[in-house]
């Protein structure tokens, strides 16, 4: 299979609702072999919300960035049928060089994720 490419959904205004409960188009499955890449080139630092849904056992890992702040992966175990939300510092997770420049890399089987750029 191929890595899942994710472009964040931009929420344009504060004090608005985006219905994601039944909207499966927001969530994309993380490829169990190649993972996922979230393109954050047009997202401001601290303005990305990732929501992860688990459909089975296993950990979800947000890979450390390749810059000076990228010191450790962020790994979360999400119980089957549950969700988790992440807001984090890009400096620790954004890829700054190479083929993945401007992306945040995610690995983990049995997970779907949605990304939202906040106003």
N, C-alpha and C. Protein backbone atom coordinates (compact mmCIF):
# COMPACT_ATOMS: atom_id res chain seq x y z
N UNK A 1 0.83 -1.18 0.00
CA UNK A 1 0.00 0.00 0.00
C UNK A 1 0.88 1.25 0.00
N UNK A 2 0.27 2.38 -0.04
CA UNK A 2 1.00 3.64 -0.07
C UNK A 2 0.67 4.48 1.15
N UNK A 3 1.58 5.35 1.49
CA UNK A 3 1.37 6.24 2.63
C UNK A 3 0.12 7.08 2.40
N UNK A 4 -0.64 7.30 3.45
CA UNK A 4 -1.84 8.13 3.39
C UNK A 4 -1.43 9.59 3.47
N UNK A 5 -1.83 10.38 2.49
CA UNK A 5 -1.53 11.81 2.47
C UNK A 5 -2.74 12.58 2.98
N UNK A 6 -2.52 13.44 3.96
CA UNK A 6 -3.61 14.17 4.59
C UNK A 6 -3.36 15.67 4.50
N UNK A 7 -4.35 16.38 4.01
CA UNK A 7 -4.33 17.84 4.00
C UNK A 7 -5.33 18.30 5.05
N UNK A 8 -4.89 19.12 6.01
CA UNK A 8 -5.82 19.56 7.05
C UNK A 8 -7.02 20.32 6.49
N UNK A 9 -8.15 20.15 7.15
CA UNK A 9 -9.34 20.94 6.85
C UNK A 9 -9.18 22.27 7.58
N UNK A 10 -9.30 23.37 6.85
CA UNK A 10 -9.12 24.68 7.45
C UNK A 10 -10.45 25.18 8.00
N UNK A 11 -10.48 25.41 9.31
CA UNK A 11 -11.64 26.03 9.95
C UNK A 11 -11.39 27.52 9.87
N UNK A 12 -12.23 28.22 9.15
CA UNK A 12 -11.94 29.61 8.79
C UNK A 12 -12.32 30.63 9.84
N UNK A 13 -13.29 30.31 10.69
CA UNK A 13 -13.75 31.30 11.65
C UNK A 13 -13.84 30.71 13.04
N UNK A 14 -13.64 31.55 14.00
CA UNK A 14 -13.89 31.16 15.39
C UNK A 14 -15.39 31.13 15.62
N UNK A 15 -15.80 30.48 16.65
CA UNK A 15 -17.21 30.42 17.06
C UNK A 15 -18.09 29.81 15.99
N UNK A 16 -17.56 28.83 15.28
CA UNK A 16 -18.34 28.08 14.30
C UNK A 16 -18.21 26.60 14.60
N UNK A 17 -19.14 25.82 14.12
CA UNK A 17 -19.12 24.38 14.34
C UNK A 17 -18.78 23.65 13.06
N UNK A 18 -17.98 22.62 13.19
CA UNK A 18 -17.70 21.71 12.09
C UNK A 18 -18.13 20.33 12.57
N UNK A 19 -19.17 19.79 11.96
CA UNK A 19 -19.70 18.49 12.37
C UNK A 19 -18.80 17.38 11.85
N UNK A 20 -18.10 16.72 12.77
CA UNK A 20 -17.23 15.62 12.36
C UNK A 20 -17.73 14.27 12.88
N UNK A 21 -18.81 14.27 13.62
CA UNK A 21 -19.31 13.03 14.20
C UNK A 21 -19.65 11.97 13.18
N UNK A 22 -20.38 12.33 12.15
CA UNK A 22 -20.77 11.37 11.13
C UNK A 22 -20.06 11.61 9.81
N UNK A 23 -19.22 12.60 9.75
CA UNK A 23 -18.59 12.99 8.49
C UNK A 23 -17.30 12.20 8.28
N UNK A 24 -17.42 11.03 7.72
CA UNK A 24 -16.26 10.16 7.55
C UNK A 24 -15.25 10.70 6.54
N UNK A 25 -15.63 11.69 5.73
CA UNK A 25 -14.68 12.23 4.75
C UNK A 25 -13.51 12.94 5.43
N UNK A 26 -13.66 13.34 6.67
CA UNK A 26 -12.57 14.00 7.39
C UNK A 26 -11.51 13.00 7.86
N UNK A 27 -11.91 11.77 8.12
CA UNK A 27 -11.01 10.77 8.68
C UNK A 27 -10.44 9.88 7.59
N UNK A 28 -9.12 9.69 7.64
CA UNK A 28 -8.45 8.80 6.69
C UNK A 28 -7.66 7.77 7.46
N UNK A 29 -7.70 6.54 6.99
CA UNK A 29 -7.00 5.45 7.66
C UNK A 29 -5.49 5.61 7.50
N UNK A 30 -4.78 5.41 8.59
CA UNK A 30 -3.32 5.41 8.57
C UNK A 30 -2.89 4.08 7.94
N UNK A 31 -2.09 4.14 6.88
CA UNK A 31 -1.63 2.91 6.25
C UNK A 31 -0.80 2.11 7.25
N UNK A 32 -1.13 0.82 7.46
CA UNK A 32 -0.42 0.03 8.48
C UNK A 32 1.06 -0.17 8.18
N UNK A 33 1.45 -0.07 6.92
CA UNK A 33 2.85 -0.27 6.55
C UNK A 33 3.59 1.05 6.38
N UNK A 34 3.01 1.98 5.63
CA UNK A 34 3.70 3.22 5.27
C UNK A 34 3.29 4.43 6.09
N UNK A 35 2.27 4.31 6.94
CA UNK A 35 1.85 5.42 7.80
C UNK A 35 1.09 6.50 7.06
N UNK A 36 1.13 7.71 7.60
CA UNK A 36 0.43 8.86 7.03
C UNK A 36 1.35 10.08 7.14
N UNK A 37 1.10 11.04 6.26
CA UNK A 37 1.84 12.31 6.28
C UNK A 37 0.83 13.43 6.23
N UNK A 38 0.90 14.34 7.21
CA UNK A 38 0.01 15.49 7.27
C UNK A 38 0.78 16.70 6.76
N UNK A 39 0.29 17.31 5.70
CA UNK A 39 0.95 18.47 5.10
C UNK A 39 0.59 19.72 5.91
N UNK A 40 1.58 20.28 6.60
CA UNK A 40 1.33 21.44 7.46
C UNK A 40 2.03 22.70 6.94
N UNK A 41 2.36 22.72 5.67
CA UNK A 41 3.04 23.88 5.10
C UNK A 41 2.24 25.17 5.24
N UNK A 42 0.92 25.09 5.23
CA UNK A 42 0.08 26.29 5.31
C UNK A 42 -0.63 26.43 6.65
N UNK A 43 -0.16 25.72 7.66
CA UNK A 43 -0.77 25.76 8.99
C UNK A 43 0.17 26.49 9.94
N UNK A 44 -0.38 27.40 10.75
CA UNK A 44 0.43 28.11 11.73
C UNK A 44 0.77 27.18 12.89
N UNK A 45 1.97 27.36 13.45
CA UNK A 45 2.41 26.58 14.61
C UNK A 45 1.38 26.70 15.74
N UNK A 46 1.14 25.64 16.43
CA UNK A 46 0.18 25.54 17.52
C UNK A 46 -1.27 25.65 17.05
N UNK A 47 -1.51 25.57 15.76
CA UNK A 47 -2.87 25.74 15.24
C UNK A 47 -3.36 24.48 14.52
N UNK A 48 -2.81 23.31 14.88
CA UNK A 48 -3.24 22.07 14.26
C UNK A 48 -3.86 21.16 15.31
N UNK A 49 -5.05 20.69 15.01
CA UNK A 49 -5.73 19.72 15.87
C UNK A 49 -5.81 18.41 15.10
N UNK A 50 -5.34 17.34 15.70
CA UNK A 50 -5.46 16.00 15.12
C UNK A 50 -6.39 15.20 16.01
N UNK A 51 -7.38 14.57 15.40
CA UNK A 51 -8.27 13.67 16.12
C UNK A 51 -8.03 12.28 15.57
N UNK A 52 -7.78 11.34 16.45
CA UNK A 52 -7.51 9.96 16.05
C UNK A 52 -8.59 9.04 16.58
N UNK A 53 -9.03 8.12 15.74
CA UNK A 53 -10.00 7.10 16.12
C UNK A 53 -9.32 5.74 16.00
N UNK A 54 -9.54 4.90 17.00
CA UNK A 54 -8.95 3.57 16.99
C UNK A 54 -10.01 2.53 16.66
N UNK A 55 -9.67 1.59 15.79
CA UNK A 55 -10.58 0.50 15.46
C UNK A 55 -10.03 -0.85 15.90
N UNK A 56 -8.96 -0.83 16.67
CA UNK A 56 -8.35 -2.07 17.15
C UNK A 56 -7.19 -1.75 18.08
N UNK A 57 -6.44 -2.75 18.39
CA UNK A 57 -5.32 -2.55 19.30
C UNK A 57 -4.11 -1.99 18.56
N UNK A 58 -3.24 -1.37 19.31
CA UNK A 58 -2.02 -0.82 18.74
C UNK A 58 -1.85 0.63 19.09
N UNK A 59 -0.61 1.07 19.00
CA UNK A 59 -0.27 2.45 19.34
C UNK A 59 -0.24 3.33 18.10
N UNK A 60 -0.53 4.59 18.30
CA UNK A 60 -0.41 5.62 17.26
C UNK A 60 0.81 6.44 17.62
N UNK A 61 1.70 6.63 16.65
CA UNK A 61 2.94 7.36 16.91
C UNK A 61 3.07 8.54 15.96
N UNK A 62 3.30 9.72 16.53
CA UNK A 62 3.63 10.91 15.76
C UNK A 62 5.16 11.00 15.82
N UNK A 63 5.79 10.89 14.66
CA UNK A 63 7.24 10.79 14.59
C UNK A 63 7.91 12.13 14.90
N UNK A 64 9.05 12.06 15.57
CA UNK A 64 9.79 13.28 15.88
C UNK A 64 10.25 13.96 14.60
N UNK A 65 10.36 15.27 14.66
CA UNK A 65 10.84 16.04 13.53
C UNK A 65 12.34 15.88 13.35
N UNK A 66 12.85 16.38 12.25
CA UNK A 66 14.28 16.25 11.98
C UNK A 66 15.06 17.53 12.29
N UNK A 67 14.42 18.47 12.98
CA UNK A 67 15.09 19.69 13.40
C UNK A 67 15.65 19.54 14.81
N UNK A 68 16.22 20.61 15.33
CA UNK A 68 16.86 20.58 16.64
C UNK A 68 15.88 20.25 17.78
N UNK A 69 14.60 20.57 17.61
CA UNK A 69 13.61 20.29 18.65
C UNK A 69 13.07 18.87 18.58
N UNK A 70 13.35 18.15 17.52
CA UNK A 70 12.82 16.80 17.34
C UNK A 70 13.59 15.77 18.14
N UNK A 71 13.24 15.59 19.40
CA UNK A 71 14.01 14.71 20.26
C UNK A 71 13.32 13.38 20.58
N UNK A 72 12.01 13.30 20.44
CA UNK A 72 11.32 12.05 20.77
C UNK A 72 9.99 11.95 20.05
N UNK A 73 9.63 10.72 19.69
CA UNK A 73 8.32 10.46 19.12
C UNK A 73 7.26 10.64 20.20
N UNK A 74 6.03 10.93 19.78
CA UNK A 74 4.89 11.00 20.69
C UNK A 74 4.03 9.78 20.39
N UNK A 75 3.92 8.86 21.36
CA UNK A 75 3.16 7.64 21.16
C UNK A 75 2.01 7.59 22.14
N UNK A 76 0.83 7.22 21.63
CA UNK A 76 -0.37 7.11 22.45
C UNK A 76 -1.06 5.79 22.15
N UNK A 77 -1.48 5.11 23.18
CA UNK A 77 -2.29 3.92 23.02
C UNK A 77 -3.74 4.35 23.19
N UNK A 78 -4.52 4.12 22.15
CA UNK A 78 -5.92 4.51 22.15
C UNK A 78 -6.75 3.23 22.11
N UNK A 79 -7.59 3.03 23.10
CA UNK A 79 -8.39 1.82 23.17
C UNK A 79 -9.31 1.69 21.96
N UNK A 80 -9.58 0.46 21.56
CA UNK A 80 -10.44 0.20 20.41
C UNK A 80 -11.80 0.87 20.59
N UNK A 81 -12.24 1.58 19.57
CA UNK A 81 -13.53 2.27 19.61
C UNK A 81 -13.49 3.63 20.28
N UNK A 82 -12.31 4.08 20.70
CA UNK A 82 -12.17 5.36 21.38
C UNK A 82 -11.47 6.37 20.47
N UNK A 83 -11.45 7.64 20.91
CA UNK A 83 -10.80 8.72 20.18
C UNK A 83 -9.83 9.46 21.09
N UNK A 84 -8.89 10.16 20.45
CA UNK A 84 -7.96 11.01 21.18
C UNK A 84 -7.69 12.25 20.34
N UNK A 85 -7.39 13.36 21.00
CA UNK A 85 -7.10 14.62 20.31
C UNK A 85 -5.68 15.05 20.66
N UNK A 86 -5.00 15.64 19.67
CA UNK A 86 -3.63 16.11 19.84
C UNK A 86 -3.51 17.54 19.33
N UNK A 87 -2.89 18.41 20.12
CA UNK A 87 -2.46 19.73 19.70
C UNK A 87 -1.02 19.82 20.19
N UNK A 88 -0.09 20.13 19.29
CA UNK A 88 1.30 20.08 19.72
C UNK A 88 2.17 21.09 18.99
N UNK A 89 3.40 21.21 19.46
CA UNK A 89 4.39 22.13 18.91
C UNK A 89 4.98 21.55 17.63
N UNK A 90 4.86 22.27 16.53
CA UNK A 90 5.40 21.79 15.26
C UNK A 90 6.91 21.55 15.33
N UNK A 91 7.61 22.39 16.07
CA UNK A 91 9.07 22.29 16.11
C UNK A 91 9.55 20.91 16.50
N UNK A 92 8.79 20.21 17.31
CA UNK A 92 9.18 18.89 17.75
C UNK A 92 8.82 17.78 16.76
N UNK A 93 7.90 18.05 15.82
CA UNK A 93 7.38 16.97 14.98
C UNK A 93 7.42 17.24 13.48
N UNK A 94 7.61 18.46 13.06
CA UNK A 94 7.61 18.79 11.63
C UNK A 94 8.93 18.40 10.98
N UNK A 95 8.83 17.80 9.80
CA UNK A 95 10.01 17.47 9.02
C UNK A 95 10.46 18.74 8.29
N UNK A 96 11.72 19.09 8.42
CA UNK A 96 12.24 20.35 7.87
C UNK A 96 13.05 20.17 6.60
N UNK A 97 13.44 18.94 6.29
CA UNK A 97 14.28 18.68 5.13
C UNK A 97 13.82 17.44 4.39
N UNK A 98 14.34 17.25 3.21
CA UNK A 98 14.11 16.03 2.45
C UNK A 98 12.75 15.93 1.81
N UNK A 99 12.41 14.72 1.40
CA UNK A 99 11.16 14.46 0.67
C UNK A 99 9.92 14.74 1.51
N UNK A 100 10.04 14.70 2.83
CA UNK A 100 8.90 14.92 3.72
C UNK A 100 8.86 16.33 4.29
N UNK A 101 9.61 17.26 3.70
CA UNK A 101 9.67 18.64 4.19
C UNK A 101 8.26 19.23 4.31
N UNK A 102 7.95 19.80 5.48
CA UNK A 102 6.66 20.43 5.71
C UNK A 102 5.56 19.47 6.12
N UNK A 103 5.94 18.26 6.51
CA UNK A 103 4.94 17.25 6.87
C UNK A 103 5.19 16.74 8.28
N UNK A 104 4.12 16.25 8.88
CA UNK A 104 4.19 15.54 10.15
C UNK A 104 3.87 14.09 9.83
N UNK A 105 4.73 13.17 10.25
CA UNK A 105 4.59 11.76 9.93
C UNK A 105 3.95 11.00 11.08
N UNK A 106 3.01 10.12 10.73
CA UNK A 106 2.26 9.35 11.72
C UNK A 106 2.30 7.89 11.33
N UNK A 107 2.48 7.00 12.31
CA UNK A 107 2.44 5.56 12.06
C UNK A 107 1.49 4.91 13.05
N UNK A 108 1.00 3.73 12.69
CA UNK A 108 0.15 2.96 13.59
C UNK A 108 -1.00 2.31 12.86
N UNK A 109 -1.14 1.01 13.05
CA UNK A 109 -2.24 0.27 12.43
C UNK A 109 -3.52 0.48 13.22
N UNK A 110 -4.65 0.28 12.57
CA UNK A 110 -5.98 0.33 13.21
C UNK A 110 -6.38 1.72 13.67
N UNK A 111 -5.88 2.74 13.00
CA UNK A 111 -6.24 4.11 13.37
C UNK A 111 -6.66 4.91 12.13
N UNK A 112 -7.58 5.82 12.33
CA UNK A 112 -7.94 6.81 11.33
C UNK A 112 -7.72 8.18 11.96
N UNK A 113 -7.26 9.13 11.17
CA UNK A 113 -7.03 10.46 11.72
C UNK A 113 -7.63 11.52 10.84
N UNK A 114 -7.98 12.63 11.48
CA UNK A 114 -8.45 13.83 10.80
C UNK A 114 -7.60 14.98 11.33
N UNK A 115 -7.28 15.92 10.46
CA UNK A 115 -6.48 17.07 10.85
C UNK A 115 -7.23 18.35 10.53
N UNK A 116 -7.19 19.29 11.48
CA UNK A 116 -7.89 20.56 11.33
C UNK A 116 -6.95 21.69 11.65
N UNK A 117 -6.90 22.69 10.76
CA UNK A 117 -6.14 23.90 10.99
C UNK A 117 -7.08 24.89 11.68
N UNK A 118 -6.67 25.37 12.83
CA UNK A 118 -7.51 26.24 13.63
C UNK A 118 -7.29 27.71 13.28
N UNK A 119 -8.32 28.53 13.42
CA UNK A 119 -8.17 29.97 13.11
C UNK A 119 -7.31 30.69 14.13
